[in-house]
Amino acid sequence: MSDDFRTSGNGFTSGATCTDTNLYKCTDNKVEYIEHIAAGTPFPNFPGGNGKGNAVWFPVTLATDGDRTNFDAVKV
C-alpha cells in the first residue's frame, strides 16, 4: 500500500451508513485494511485488535490509489 495513506479528509467513521458501494480502507499506521462495503450498511469498527475500536474509512479510488494491480499484504 502507499505510504501516502490519507488519515483526514473525506473519510467515514465507524457506524456511519455507507452511501456508495465501493472498496474502502482504514489503517492504524501499522496495518492497512481494505474491505468491500455495500451501500446502506454501516461502516464497521476497526478490523484489527479486538475489533471494537473506531475507524475512519476512506474510499479506494483511482485518484488516491492509482491504478495498482497489487498490494503488500502486510506493511512493516
C-alpha atoms as a PDB file:
ATOM      1  CA  MET A   1       0.000   0.000   0.000  1.00  0.00           C
ATOM      2  CA  SER A   2       1.045   3.565  -0.433  1.00  0.00           C
ATOM      3  CA  ASP A   3       2.831   5.488   2.311  1.00  0.00           C
ATOM      4  CA  ASP A   4       0.503   8.378   1.394  1.00  0.00           C
ATOM      5  CA  PHE A   5      -2.457   6.780   3.137  1.00  0.00           C
ATOM      6  CA  ARG A   6      -4.947   9.512   3.935  1.00  0.00           C
ATOM      7  CA  THR A   7      -5.851   9.994   7.581  1.00  0.00           C
ATOM      8  CA  SER A   8      -8.070  13.035   7.112  1.00  0.00           C
ATOM      9  CA  GLY A   9     -10.444  14.377   4.509  1.00  0.00           C
ATOM     10  CA  ASN A  10     -13.415  12.554   3.034  1.00  0.00           C
ATOM     11  CA  GLY A  11     -13.412   9.631   5.448  1.00  0.00           C
ATOM     12  CA  PHE A  12     -16.352   7.870   7.065  1.00  0.00           C
ATOM     13  CA  THR A  13     -16.377   6.915  10.746  1.00  0.00           C
ATOM     14  CA  SER A  14     -17.431   3.561  12.176  1.00  0.00           C
ATOM     15  CA  GLY A  15     -21.205   3.370  12.432  1.00  0.00           C
ATOM     16  CA  ALA A  16     -21.932   5.883   9.660  1.00  0.00           C
ATOM     17  CA  THR A  17     -24.123   4.490   6.874  1.00  0.00           C
ATOM     18  CA  CYS A  18     -22.312   3.800   3.617  1.00  0.00           C
ATOM     19  CA  THR A  19     -23.944   5.617   0.700  1.00  0.00           C
ATOM     20  CA  ASP A  20     -21.835   4.210  -2.144  1.00  0.00           C
ATOM     21  CA  THR A  21     -20.866   0.554  -2.619  1.00  0.00           C
ATOM     22  CA  ASN A  22     -17.096   0.544  -3.008  1.00  0.00           C
ATOM     23  CA  LEU A  23     -13.795  -0.704  -1.645  1.00  0.00           C
ATOM     24  CA  TYR A  24     -12.820   1.233   1.478  1.00  0.00           C
ATOM     25  CA  LYS A  25      -9.619   1.236   3.510  1.00  0.00           C
ATOM     26  CA  CYS A  26      -8.542   2.110   7.027  1.00  0.00           C
ATOM     27  CA  THR A  27      -5.286   1.903   8.975  1.00  0.00           C
ATOM     28  CA  ASP A  28      -3.758   2.079  12.437  1.00  0.00           C
ATOM     29  CA  ASN A  29      -0.434   3.098  10.824  1.00  0.00           C
ATOM     30  CA  LYS A  30       0.787  -0.493  11.218  1.00  0.00           C
ATOM     31  CA  VAL A  31      -1.708  -2.494   9.179  1.00  0.00           C
ATOM     32  CA  GLU A  32      -3.979  -1.326   6.383  1.00  0.00           C
ATOM     33  CA  TYR A  33      -7.326  -2.997   5.781  1.00  0.00           C
ATOM     34  CA  ILE A  34      -9.335  -2.971   2.565  1.00  0.00           C
ATOM     35  CA  GLU A  35     -12.951  -4.056   2.684  1.00  0.00           C
ATOM     36  CA  HIS A  36     -15.864  -4.108   0.234  1.00  0.00           C
ATOM     37  CA  ILE A  37     -18.701  -2.203   1.900  1.00  0.00           C
ATOM     38  CA  ALA A  38     -22.173  -2.111   0.381  1.00  0.00           C
ATOM     39  CA  ALA A  39     -24.394   0.966   0.317  1.00  0.00           C
ATOM     40  CA  GLY A  40     -26.915   1.006   3.151  1.00  0.00           C
ATOM     41  CA  THR A  41     -24.703  -0.846   5.610  1.00  0.00           C
ATOM     42  CA  PRO A  42     -22.824   0.797   8.487  1.00  0.00           C
ATOM     43  CA  PHE A  43     -19.069   1.193   8.306  1.00  0.00           C
ATOM     44  CA  PRO A  44     -17.550  -1.399  10.651  1.00  0.00           C
ATOM     45  CA  ASN A  45     -15.271  -0.910  13.622  1.00  0.00           C
ATOM     46  CA  PHE A  46     -11.540  -1.214  13.040  1.00  0.00           C
ATOM     47  CA  PRO A  47     -10.944  -4.853  11.988  1.00  0.00           C
ATOM     48  CA  GLY A  48      -7.662  -5.232  13.894  1.00  0.00           C
ATOM     49  CA  GLY A  49      -7.093  -5.869  17.549  1.00  0.00           C
ATOM     50  CA  ASN A  50     -10.284  -6.790  19.342  1.00  0.00           C
ATOM     51  CA  GLY A  51     -12.496  -5.292  16.604  1.00  0.00           C
ATOM     52  CA  LYS A  52     -14.062  -2.774  18.969  1.00  0.00           C
ATOM     53  CA  GLY A  53     -12.083   0.341  18.036  1.00  0.00           C
ATOM     54  CA  ASN A  54     -13.438   3.104  15.856  1.00  0.00           C
ATOM     55  CA  ALA A  55     -12.037   3.569  12.385  1.00  0.00           C
ATOM     56  CA  VAL A  56     -12.104   6.167   9.656  1.00  0.00           C
ATOM     57  CA  TRP A  57     -12.746   4.518   6.289  1.00  0.00           C
ATOM     58  CA  PHE A  58     -11.598   6.090   3.030  1.00  0.00           C
ATOM     59  CA  PRO A  59     -12.762   5.101  -0.459  1.00  0.00           C
ATOM     60  CA  VAL A  60     -10.216   3.380  -2.663  1.00  0.00           C
ATOM     61  CA  THR A  61     -10.120   5.475  -5.832  1.00  0.00           C
ATOM     62  CA  LEU A  62      -8.004   5.887  -8.923  1.00  0.00           C
ATOM     63  CA  ALA A  63      -7.141   9.441  -7.829  1.00  0.00           C
ATOM     64  CA  THR A  64      -5.878   8.434  -4.361  1.00  0.00           C
ATOM     65  CA  ASP A  65      -4.530   4.950  -5.048  1.00  0.00           C
ATOM     66  CA  GLY A  66      -3.551   4.959  -8.710  1.00  0.00           C
ATOM     67  CA  ASP A  67      -4.178   2.007 -10.971  1.00  0.00           C
ATOM     68  CA  ARG A  68      -2.298  -0.519  -8.861  1.00  0.00           C
ATOM     69  CA  THR A  69      -2.720  -4.145  -9.749  1.00  0.00           C
ATOM     70  CA  ASN A  70      -1.235  -5.497  -6.497  1.00  0.00           C
ATOM     71  CA  PHE A  71      -0.641  -4.562  -2.893  1.00  0.00           C
ATOM     72  CA  ASP A  72       1.518  -5.574   0.056  1.00  0.00           C
ATOM     73  CA  ALA A  73      -0.319  -7.944   2.366  1.00  0.00           C
ATOM     74  CA  VAL A  74       1.498  -6.568   5.414  1.00  0.00           C
ATOM     75  CA  LYS A  75       3.151  -3.204   5.879  1.00  0.00           C
ATOM     76  CA  VAL A  76       6.286  -3.223   8.062  1.00  0.00           C
END
